Amino acid sequence: MWLEVVPHIRQLDWPLERLDSKRNQILGQRPLPAAAIRRIQESLSIEWTYNSNSIEGNTLSLAETRAVLEDGITIKGKSLREHFEAVNHHEAIEWVSALARPGFVFSETTVLDVHALVLDKIEKEFAGRYRNAGVRITGANFIPPNALKVPALMAELIGWLNDNPDGLHPLQQAMLFHHRFVHIHPFFDGNGRTIRLLFNLLLMREGYPPAIILRNDRKKYYEALNQANEGRFEKLALLMSQALERSLDIYLGNLLDRADEYDSLSNIAMEEGVPYNQEYLSLLARTGKIDAYKEGRVWYTSRAALQEYFEGRKRKRVPKS
């Protein structure tokens, strides 16, 4: 039974308190400045579309994706399908954002509607319909279940999602939902884009911003999913925690004018009084030991985050009386 992994998921080293604190800081700014929120949402929406499509093989760059969505420009040398993938995903984000409110209840219709938007104008015969034949996933270490089982498996998954019998944190439940959905692989095409949209719908209805899996982390993402298929969720939990924290930091940096608090690890490592080199700081960031986020291939953290880590290490060294 797939839910046997729940105790293991609970025991992972999640930064839930830190993530919740950042979310609460954002919510505490209400009423949120409409212009600033709209600017952040539009930027993240384009970034989300670019990264999610790119993970699936779309070759539009971030700048090209922006041009297609904001200016309606046709990019020379790019296929019509790639243009439709960008437009479809952007429209799906708008739909998901409209649904993302406290108390929203998932249903099979939610899943099928989002998938229909993802494949609209591309594969209409499959859009919003479960697969009716077997599929194999290149590079995956499992074979999805028989197509005849898909409706029942999805009904079971959605029921568990709405009941949350184990009282999992929203991020923990969203991660497990994501993994189980990928394992069921309910559609012929568009599964990855659809689940990343639904994953974020789960987070957004709880007041979090969308967590964007970056194109540069594509290999890490697939490796984490394969490890989760074997019952090891550490890498998937870390990847999704870091993706969510990056978005939280973007919101806080814009709303609270805190962008200058973060600096590259290379700059911080050269400062006097920092006892670790850049390589070790990078390890701390990659393993989620410090509050950090990644832009391209560069990690950023704050001096306050490092100080918190240093203090925590000191407390652990103090012998108990």
Protein backbone atom coordinates (compact mmCIF):
# COMPACT_ATOMS: atom_id res chain seq x y z
CA MET A 1 0.00 0.00 0.00
CA TRP A 2 1.50 3.32 -1.08
CA LEU A 3 0.43 5.11 2.11
CA GLU A 4 2.85 2.99 4.11
CA VAL A 5 5.45 5.67 3.31
CA VAL A 6 3.65 8.32 5.41
CA PRO A 7 5.62 7.65 8.65
CA HIS A 8 8.86 7.92 6.67
CA ILE A 9 7.75 11.20 5.11
CA ARG A 10 6.96 12.62 8.54
CA GLN A 11 10.45 11.78 9.79
CA LEU A 12 12.30 13.60 7.01
CA ASP A 13 14.19 16.78 7.82
CA TRP A 14 11.59 19.30 6.61
CA PRO A 15 12.08 23.09 7.09
CA LEU A 16 8.33 23.43 7.72
CA GLU A 17 8.58 25.91 10.58
CA ARG A 18 10.75 28.23 8.49
CA LEU A 19 8.49 27.93 5.44
CA ASP A 20 5.36 28.59 7.50
CA SER A 21 7.00 31.59 9.13
CA LYS A 22 7.77 33.11 5.73
CA ARG A 23 4.26 32.44 4.47
CA ASN A 24 2.83 34.08 7.58
CA GLN A 25 5.07 37.11 7.07
CA ILE A 26 3.62 37.51 3.59
CA LEU A 27 0.03 37.04 4.75
CA GLY A 28 0.72 39.48 7.58
CA GLN A 29 1.27 42.25 5.02
CA ARG A 30 -2.43 42.27 4.09
CA PRO A 31 -3.93 44.12 2.48
CA LEU A 32 -1.18 43.28 0.01
CA PRO A 33 -0.24 46.04 -2.45
CA ALA A 34 -2.11 45.10 -5.62
CA ALA A 35 0.47 46.43 -8.07
CA ALA A 36 3.38 44.64 -6.39
CA ILE A 37 1.46 41.35 -6.15
CA ARG A 38 0.41 41.54 -9.78
CA ARG A 39 4.02 42.18 -10.85
CA ILE A 40 5.34 39.22 -8.84
CA GLN A 41 2.57 36.91 -10.03
CA GLU A 42 3.08 37.80 -13.68
CA SER A 43 6.83 37.24 -13.42
CA LEU A 44 6.45 33.90 -11.64
CA SER A 45 3.74 32.81 -14.06
CA ILE A 46 6.05 33.25 -17.05
CA GLU A 47 8.92 31.61 -15.20
CA TRP A 48 6.67 28.71 -14.17
CA THR A 49 5.49 28.21 -17.76
CA TYR A 50 9.02 28.33 -19.14
CA ASN A 51 10.50 25.90 -16.60
CA SER A 52 7.64 23.38 -16.61
CA ASN A 53 7.51 23.23 -20.40
CA SER A 54 11.29 23.12 -20.69
CA ILE A 55 11.44 20.11 -18.36
CA GLU A 56 9.22 18.33 -20.89
CA GLY A 57 11.40 19.28 -23.87
CA ASN A 58 10.00 22.62 -25.04
CA THR A 59 12.90 24.65 -26.52
CA LEU A 60 11.51 28.18 -26.08
CA SER A 61 13.88 30.25 -23.93
CA LEU A 62 12.63 32.31 -21.02
CA ALA A 63 12.81 35.49 -23.12
CA GLU A 64 11.00 33.79 -26.01
CA THR A 65 8.32 32.48 -23.67
CA ARG A 66 7.81 36.00 -22.34
CA ALA A 67 7.55 37.38 -25.90
CA VAL A 68 4.95 34.76 -26.87
CA LEU A 69 2.82 35.35 -23.79
CA GLU A 70 3.11 39.13 -23.37
CA ASP A 71 3.41 40.29 -26.97
CA GLY A 72 1.87 37.46 -28.96
CA ILE A 73 5.05 37.15 -31.02
CA THR A 74 5.75 34.07 -33.13
CA ILE A 75 9.32 32.88 -32.66
CA LYS A 76 11.12 31.97 -35.86
CA GLY A 77 12.40 28.40 -35.92
CA LYS A 78 10.11 27.20 -33.12
CA SER A 79 7.24 24.79 -33.74
CA LEU A 80 3.59 25.73 -33.51
CA ARG A 81 3.20 23.11 -30.80
CA GLU A 82 5.82 24.82 -28.64
CA HIS A 83 3.94 28.12 -28.95
CA PHE A 84 0.66 26.41 -27.99
CA GLU A 85 2.35 24.71 -25.04
CA ALA A 86 3.33 28.13 -23.67
CA VAL A 87 -0.11 29.67 -24.21
CA ASN A 88 -1.93 26.61 -22.83
CA HIS A 89 0.20 26.45 -19.70
CA HIS A 90 -0.22 30.15 -19.03
CA GLU A 91 -4.01 29.82 -19.32
CA ALA A 92 -3.90 26.79 -17.02
CA ILE A 93 -2.03 28.85 -14.42
CA GLU A 94 -4.78 31.49 -14.57
CA TRP A 95 -7.39 28.78 -14.06
CA VAL A 96 -5.51 27.21 -11.14
CA SER A 97 -4.97 30.64 -9.55
CA ALA A 98 -8.71 31.32 -9.71
CA LEU A 99 -9.42 28.02 -7.93
CA ALA A 100 -6.75 28.52 -5.26
CA ARG A 101 -8.76 29.67 -2.29
CA PRO A 102 -9.04 28.35 1.29
CA GLY A 103 -11.33 25.36 1.53
CA PHE A 104 -11.25 24.52 -2.18
CA VAL A 105 -12.05 20.82 -2.59
CA PHE A 106 -10.35 18.78 -5.28
CA SER A 107 -12.40 16.56 -7.56
CA GLU A 108 -11.84 14.45 -10.64
CA THR A 109 -13.18 17.40 -12.62
CA THR A 110 -10.35 19.57 -11.29
CA VAL A 111 -7.76 17.15 -12.63
CA LEU A 112 -9.45 16.67 -16.00
CA ASP A 113 -10.06 20.40 -16.52
CA VAL A 114 -6.43 21.31 -15.86
CA HIS A 115 -5.22 18.56 -18.18
CA ALA A 116 -7.66 19.73 -20.87
CA LEU A 117 -6.14 23.20 -20.71
CA VAL A 118 -2.59 21.81 -20.92
CA LEU A 119 -3.34 19.88 -24.14
CA ASP A 120 -5.82 22.32 -25.69
CA LYS A 121 -5.03 23.10 -29.35
CA ILE A 122 -2.37 20.35 -29.29
CA GLU A 123 -3.96 16.92 -28.73
CA LYS A 124 -7.67 17.55 -28.33
CA GLU A 125 -8.56 13.86 -28.67
CA PHE A 126 -6.64 13.15 -25.44
CA ALA A 127 -7.24 16.44 -23.58
CA GLY A 128 -9.10 15.93 -20.32
CA ARG A 129 -9.41 12.16 -20.77
CA TYR A 130 -7.69 9.35 -18.92
CA ARG A 131 -5.57 7.03 -21.02
CA ASN A 132 -7.16 3.80 -22.28
CA ALA A 133 -3.97 1.87 -22.99
CA GLY A 134 -0.63 1.11 -21.40
CA VAL A 135 2.33 3.51 -21.37
CA ARG A 136 6.03 3.34 -20.58
CA ILE A 137 8.11 6.25 -19.31
CA THR A 138 11.61 6.67 -20.67
CA GLY A 139 14.18 6.69 -17.87
CA ALA A 140 11.70 5.74 -15.14
CA ASN A 141 12.27 2.73 -12.89
CA PHE A 142 8.61 1.62 -12.85
CA ILE A 143 5.78 0.72 -15.21
CA PRO A 144 2.51 2.65 -14.72
CA PRO A 145 -0.55 0.55 -13.82
CA ASN A 146 -2.97 -0.93 -16.32
CA ALA A 147 -5.21 1.71 -17.90
CA LEU A 148 -8.34 -0.06 -16.62
CA LYS A 149 -7.20 0.69 -13.04
CA VAL A 150 -6.59 4.41 -13.60
CA PRO A 151 -10.11 5.76 -12.75
CA ALA A 152 -10.25 3.83 -9.47
CA LEU A 153 -6.68 4.74 -8.52
CA MET A 154 -7.33 8.42 -9.21
CA ALA A 155 -10.56 8.33 -7.20
CA GLU A 156 -8.65 6.77 -4.29
CA LEU A 157 -5.91 9.41 -4.54
CA ILE A 158 -8.34 12.34 -4.67
CA GLY A 159 -10.33 10.92 -1.75
CA TRP A 160 -7.17 10.63 0.34
CA LEU A 161 -6.18 14.16 -0.67
CA ASN A 162 -9.45 15.66 0.52
CA ASP A 163 -9.63 13.64 3.73
CA ASN A 164 -5.94 13.98 4.70
CA PRO A 165 -6.41 11.22 7.31
CA ASP A 166 -2.80 11.46 8.49
CA GLY A 167 -2.91 15.21 9.07
CA LEU A 168 0.08 15.87 6.84
CA HIS A 169 1.43 19.39 6.37
CA PRO A 170 0.29 20.90 3.02
CA LEU A 171 3.79 20.55 1.52
CA GLN A 172 4.15 16.95 2.69
CA GLN A 173 0.74 16.03 1.30
CA ALA A 174 1.35 17.90 -1.97
CA MET A 175 4.65 16.05 -2.45
CA LEU A 176 3.07 12.63 -1.85
CA PHE A 177 0.15 13.54 -4.13
CA HIS A 178 2.66 14.59 -6.81
CA HIS A 179 4.57 11.34 -6.56
CA ARG A 180 1.49 9.12 -6.57
CA PHE A 181 0.02 10.97 -9.57
CA VAL A 182 3.23 10.46 -11.54
CA HIS A 183 3.18 6.78 -10.62
CA ILE A 184 -0.42 6.35 -11.82
CA HIS A 185 0.41 8.37 -14.96
CA PRO A 186 -3.28 8.83 -15.78
CA PHE A 187 -2.84 10.46 -19.21
CA PHE A 188 -1.09 9.62 -22.46
CA ASP A 189 0.63 13.02 -22.51
CA GLY A 190 0.86 16.13 -20.36
CA ASN A 191 1.18 14.33 -17.01
CA GLY A 192 4.21 16.32 -15.83
CA ARG A 193 2.81 19.76 -16.58
CA THR A 194 -0.57 18.78 -15.13
CA ILE A 195 0.78 17.47 -11.83
CA ARG A 196 3.05 20.47 -11.31
CA LEU A 197 -0.01 22.71 -11.76
CA LEU A 198 -2.08 20.60 -9.35
CA PHE A 199 0.81 20.40 -6.88
CA ASN A 200 0.90 24.18 -6.76
CA LEU A 201 -2.88 24.45 -6.52
CA LEU A 202 -2.57 22.49 -3.27
CA LEU A 203 0.04 24.92 -1.96
CA MET A 204 -1.66 28.08 -3.22
CA ARG A 205 -4.99 27.26 -1.56
CA GLU A 206 -3.08 27.25 1.75
CA GLY A 207 -1.60 30.71 1.16
CA TYR A 208 1.78 29.68 -0.27
CA PRO A 209 3.16 30.93 -3.59
CA PRO A 210 3.74 28.40 -6.38
CA ALA A 211 6.87 26.26 -6.03
CA ILE A 212 8.65 26.18 -9.38
CA ILE A 213 10.84 23.20 -10.29
CA LEU A 214 13.62 24.76 -12.35
CA ARG A 215 14.77 23.54 -15.75
CA ASN A 216 18.33 23.33 -14.41
CA ASP A 217 17.10 20.85 -11.80
CA ARG A 218 15.45 18.56 -14.38
CA LYS A 219 17.90 15.68 -13.88
CA LYS A 220 17.76 16.05 -10.10
CA TYR A 221 13.95 16.10 -10.26
CA TYR A 222 13.70 12.84 -12.22
CA GLU A 223 16.31 11.17 -10.02
CA ALA A 224 14.34 12.23 -6.94
CA LEU A 225 11.13 10.76 -8.38
CA ASN A 226 12.90 7.48 -9.16
CA GLN A 227 14.29 7.31 -5.63
CA ALA A 228 10.80 7.99 -4.26
CA ASN A 229 9.55 5.00 -6.27
CA GLU A 230 11.91 2.94 -4.10
CA GLY A 231 10.57 4.48 -0.90
CA ARG A 232 13.33 7.10 -0.49
CA PHE A 233 11.75 10.55 -0.45
CA GLU A 234 14.67 12.58 0.93
CA LYS A 235 15.73 14.16 -2.37
CA LEU A 236 12.18 14.88 -3.51
CA ALA A 237 11.32 16.53 -0.19
CA LEU A 238 14.47 18.66 -0.33
CA LEU A 239 13.90 19.70 -3.95
CA MET A 240 10.32 20.74 -3.33
CA SER A 241 11.13 22.50 -0.06
CA GLN A 242 13.82 24.54 -1.79
CA ALA A 243 11.52 25.37 -4.71
CA LEU A 244 8.87 26.66 -2.33
CA GLU A 245 11.35 28.62 -0.25
CA ARG A 246 12.75 30.31 -3.35
CA SER A 247 9.27 31.62 -4.23
CA LEU A 248 8.65 32.72 -0.65
CA ASP A 249 11.94 34.63 -0.70
CA ILE A 250 10.97 36.31 -3.97
CA TYR A 251 7.72 37.53 -2.42
CA LEU A 252 9.41 38.69 0.78
CA GLY A 253 12.20 40.39 -1.14
CA ASN A 254 9.68 42.43 -3.12
CA LEU A 255 7.06 43.10 -0.45
CA LEU A 256 9.42 43.84 2.43
CA ASP A 257 12.27 45.28 0.36
CA ARG A 258 14.58 42.57 1.65
CA ALA A 259 16.31 41.67 -1.60
CA ASP A 260 19.56 43.16 -0.35
CA GLU A 261 19.66 40.73 2.58
CA TYR A 262 20.67 37.90 0.26
CA ASP A 263 24.06 37.56 -1.37
CA SER A 264 25.93 34.90 -3.33
CA LEU A 265 27.75 32.23 -1.36
CA SER A 266 31.02 33.24 -3.03
CA ASN A 267 30.74 36.79 -1.67
CA ILE A 268 29.73 35.69 1.80
CA ALA A 269 32.48 33.06 2.02
CA MET A 270 35.14 35.77 1.53
CA GLU A 271 33.90 37.87 4.45
CA GLU A 272 35.88 38.03 7.66
CA GLY A 273 34.41 35.91 10.42
CA VAL A 274 32.76 33.33 8.15
CA PRO A 275 34.32 30.01 9.25
CA TYR A 276 33.37 28.02 6.13
CA ASN A 277 34.52 28.17 2.52
CA GLN A 278 32.24 28.47 -0.49
CA GLU A 279 32.25 24.72 -1.14
CA TYR A 280 30.99 23.94 2.36
CA LEU A 281 28.39 26.72 2.25
CA SER A 282 27.19 25.28 -1.06
CA LEU A 283 26.80 21.89 0.61
CA LEU A 284 24.74 23.46 3.40
CA ALA A 285 22.52 25.16 0.81
CA ARG A 286 22.09 22.06 -1.38
CA THR A 287 21.16 19.89 1.59
CA GLY A 288 18.70 22.41 3.01
CA LYS A 289 20.69 23.06 6.18
CA ILE A 290 20.49 26.84 5.68
CA ASP A 291 17.88 29.20 4.27
CA ALA A 292 19.04 29.57 0.66
CA TYR A 293 17.72 29.69 -2.88
CA LYS A 294 19.17 29.13 -6.32
CA GLU A 295 19.14 31.40 -9.38
CA GLY A 296 20.58 29.70 -12.44
CA ARG A 297 23.63 27.93 -11.03
CA VAL A 298 24.32 30.39 -8.22
CA TRP A 299 23.19 29.88 -4.63
CA TYR A 300 22.16 32.84 -2.47
CA THR A 301 21.72 33.07 1.28
CA SER A 302 21.57 35.74 3.96
CA ARG A 303 24.01 36.52 6.75
CA ALA A 304 21.14 36.07 9.20
CA ALA A 305 20.58 32.53 7.92
CA LEU A 306 24.24 31.68 8.44
CA GLN A 307 24.22 33.19 11.91
CA GLU A 308 21.19 31.08 12.79
CA TYR A 309 23.03 27.99 11.58
CA PHE A 310 26.18 28.91 13.55
CA GLU A 311 24.16 29.45 16.72
CA GLY A 312 22.42 26.13 16.24
CA ARG A 313 25.77 24.35 15.94
CA LYS A 314 27.00 26.03 19.12
CA ARG A 315 23.91 24.95 21.07
CA LYS A 316 24.41 21.34 19.98
CA ARG A 317 28.00 21.41 21.28
CA VAL A 318 26.96 22.53 24.77
CA PRO A 319 26.91 19.42 26.99
CA LYS A 320 23.70 18.69 28.85
CA SER A 321 23.95 19.18 32.60
